[in-house]
N, C-alpha and C. Protein backbone atom coordinates (compact mmCIF):
# COMPACT_ATOMS: atom_id res chain seq x y z
N MET A 1 0.86 -1.16 0.00
CA MET A 1 0.00 0.00 0.00
C MET A 1 0.90 1.23 0.00
N ARG A 2 0.57 2.17 -0.86
CA ARG A 2 1.25 3.47 -0.90
C ARG A 2 0.19 4.56 -0.83
N CYS A 3 0.61 5.71 -0.31
CA CYS A 3 -0.34 6.81 -0.12
C CYS A 3 0.38 8.15 -0.25
N VAL A 4 -0.31 9.12 -0.80
CA VAL A 4 0.13 10.51 -0.77
C VAL A 4 -1.01 11.33 -0.18
N ALA A 5 -0.66 12.44 0.44
CA ALA A 5 -1.69 13.28 1.06
C ALA A 5 -1.28 14.74 0.97
N ALA A 6 -2.29 15.60 1.04
CA ALA A 6 -2.06 17.04 1.01
C ALA A 6 -3.08 17.70 1.93
N PRO A 7 -2.65 18.68 2.71
CA PRO A 7 -3.59 19.39 3.58
C PRO A 7 -4.43 20.38 2.79
N ILE A 8 -5.61 20.65 3.31
CA ILE A 8 -6.50 21.67 2.74
C ILE A 8 -6.62 22.77 3.78
N PHE A 9 -6.30 24.00 3.39
CA PHE A 9 -6.31 25.12 4.31
C PHE A 9 -7.45 26.08 4.01
N HIS A 10 -8.00 26.67 5.05
CA HIS A 10 -8.98 27.75 4.95
C HIS A 10 -8.22 29.01 4.53
N ALA A 11 -8.94 30.00 4.07
CA ALA A 11 -8.32 31.26 3.64
C ALA A 11 -7.52 31.92 4.77
N ASP A 12 -7.88 31.66 6.02
CA ASP A 12 -7.14 32.26 7.14
C ASP A 12 -5.90 31.45 7.54
N GLY A 13 -5.64 30.36 6.82
CA GLY A 13 -4.44 29.58 7.07
C GLY A 13 -4.61 28.37 7.97
N THR A 14 -5.80 28.20 8.54
CA THR A 14 -6.00 27.03 9.40
C THR A 14 -6.31 25.80 8.54
N ALA A 15 -5.82 24.66 8.99
CA ALA A 15 -6.09 23.41 8.28
C ALA A 15 -7.54 23.00 8.53
N VAL A 16 -8.26 22.70 7.47
CA VAL A 16 -9.67 22.33 7.59
C VAL A 16 -9.95 20.93 7.06
N GLY A 17 -8.97 20.29 6.47
CA GLY A 17 -9.19 18.95 5.94
C GLY A 17 -7.95 18.44 5.25
N GLY A 18 -8.13 17.36 4.56
CA GLY A 18 -7.02 16.78 3.82
C GLY A 18 -7.52 15.97 2.65
N LEU A 19 -6.63 15.75 1.73
CA LEU A 19 -6.91 14.96 0.54
C LEU A 19 -5.87 13.85 0.50
N SER A 20 -6.30 12.60 0.37
CA SER A 20 -5.34 11.51 0.27
C SER A 20 -5.73 10.57 -0.86
N VAL A 21 -4.71 9.97 -1.43
CA VAL A 21 -4.89 8.99 -2.51
C VAL A 21 -4.02 7.80 -2.13
N SER A 22 -4.61 6.61 -2.17
CA SER A 22 -3.84 5.42 -1.83
C SER A 22 -4.17 4.30 -2.81
N GLY A 23 -3.27 3.34 -2.87
CA GLY A 23 -3.48 2.20 -3.75
C GLY A 23 -2.45 1.11 -3.49
N PRO A 24 -2.68 -0.06 -4.03
CA PRO A 24 -1.74 -1.16 -3.85
C PRO A 24 -0.42 -0.88 -4.58
N THR A 25 0.67 -1.37 -4.04
CA THR A 25 1.99 -1.10 -4.61
C THR A 25 2.12 -1.58 -6.05
N GLN A 26 1.37 -2.61 -6.43
CA GLN A 26 1.44 -3.10 -7.81
C GLN A 26 0.95 -2.07 -8.81
N ARG A 27 -0.01 -1.26 -8.43
CA ARG A 27 -0.55 -0.24 -9.33
C ARG A 27 -0.05 1.16 -9.01
N PHE A 28 0.28 1.39 -7.76
CA PHE A 28 0.74 2.71 -7.33
C PHE A 28 2.27 2.68 -7.29
N THR A 29 2.84 2.63 -8.46
CA THR A 29 4.29 2.51 -8.63
C THR A 29 4.99 3.82 -8.23
N PRO A 30 6.31 3.79 -8.05
CA PRO A 30 7.03 5.03 -7.75
C PRO A 30 6.80 6.11 -8.82
N ALA A 31 6.71 5.71 -10.08
CA ALA A 31 6.44 6.68 -11.15
C ALA A 31 5.06 7.30 -10.99
N ARG A 32 4.08 6.48 -10.67
CA ARG A 32 2.71 6.98 -10.46
C ARG A 32 2.65 7.86 -9.22
N LEU A 33 3.39 7.48 -8.20
CA LEU A 33 3.46 8.27 -6.98
C LEU A 33 4.03 9.66 -7.28
N ALA A 34 5.05 9.72 -8.13
CA ALA A 34 5.65 11.00 -8.50
C ALA A 34 4.67 11.89 -9.27
N GLU A 35 3.76 11.29 -10.00
CA GLU A 35 2.74 12.06 -10.73
C GLU A 35 1.61 12.49 -9.79
N THR A 36 1.23 11.61 -8.88
CA THR A 36 0.06 11.83 -8.04
C THR A 36 0.31 12.83 -6.93
N GLY A 37 1.51 12.86 -6.39
CA GLY A 37 1.83 13.81 -5.32
C GLY A 37 1.58 15.25 -5.71
N PRO A 38 2.18 15.72 -6.81
CA PRO A 38 1.92 17.10 -7.23
C PRO A 38 0.46 17.35 -7.60
N LEU A 39 -0.19 16.35 -8.17
CA LEU A 39 -1.61 16.51 -8.51
C LEU A 39 -2.46 16.68 -7.25
N ALA A 40 -2.21 15.87 -6.24
CA ALA A 40 -2.95 16.00 -4.97
C ALA A 40 -2.71 17.37 -4.35
N HIS A 41 -1.48 17.84 -4.40
CA HIS A 41 -1.15 19.16 -3.86
C HIS A 41 -1.92 20.24 -4.60
N ARG A 42 -1.92 20.18 -5.92
CA ARG A 42 -2.61 21.20 -6.73
C ARG A 42 -4.12 21.18 -6.46
N LEU A 43 -4.71 20.00 -6.36
CA LEU A 43 -6.16 19.90 -6.14
C LEU A 43 -6.57 20.34 -4.75
N ALA A 44 -5.65 20.22 -3.79
CA ALA A 44 -5.99 20.60 -2.41
C ALA A 44 -5.96 22.10 -2.21
N LEU A 45 -5.38 22.85 -3.14
CA LEU A 45 -5.28 24.30 -2.98
C LEU A 45 -6.60 24.96 -3.07
C-alpha cells in the first residue's frame, strides 16, 4: 500500500481537511506516486 496526502487550508491559514490517494503497490508505482503527489497538492489548494 502506498499513499500521498495534502492538507487543505482555509483562507485564514487554518487546516480544515485533507486529501489523500492510496493504492496497492502493484498499481501505485514510484512513477505513479511522483505524478500523483503534485496533482494531490494542486487539487488541495
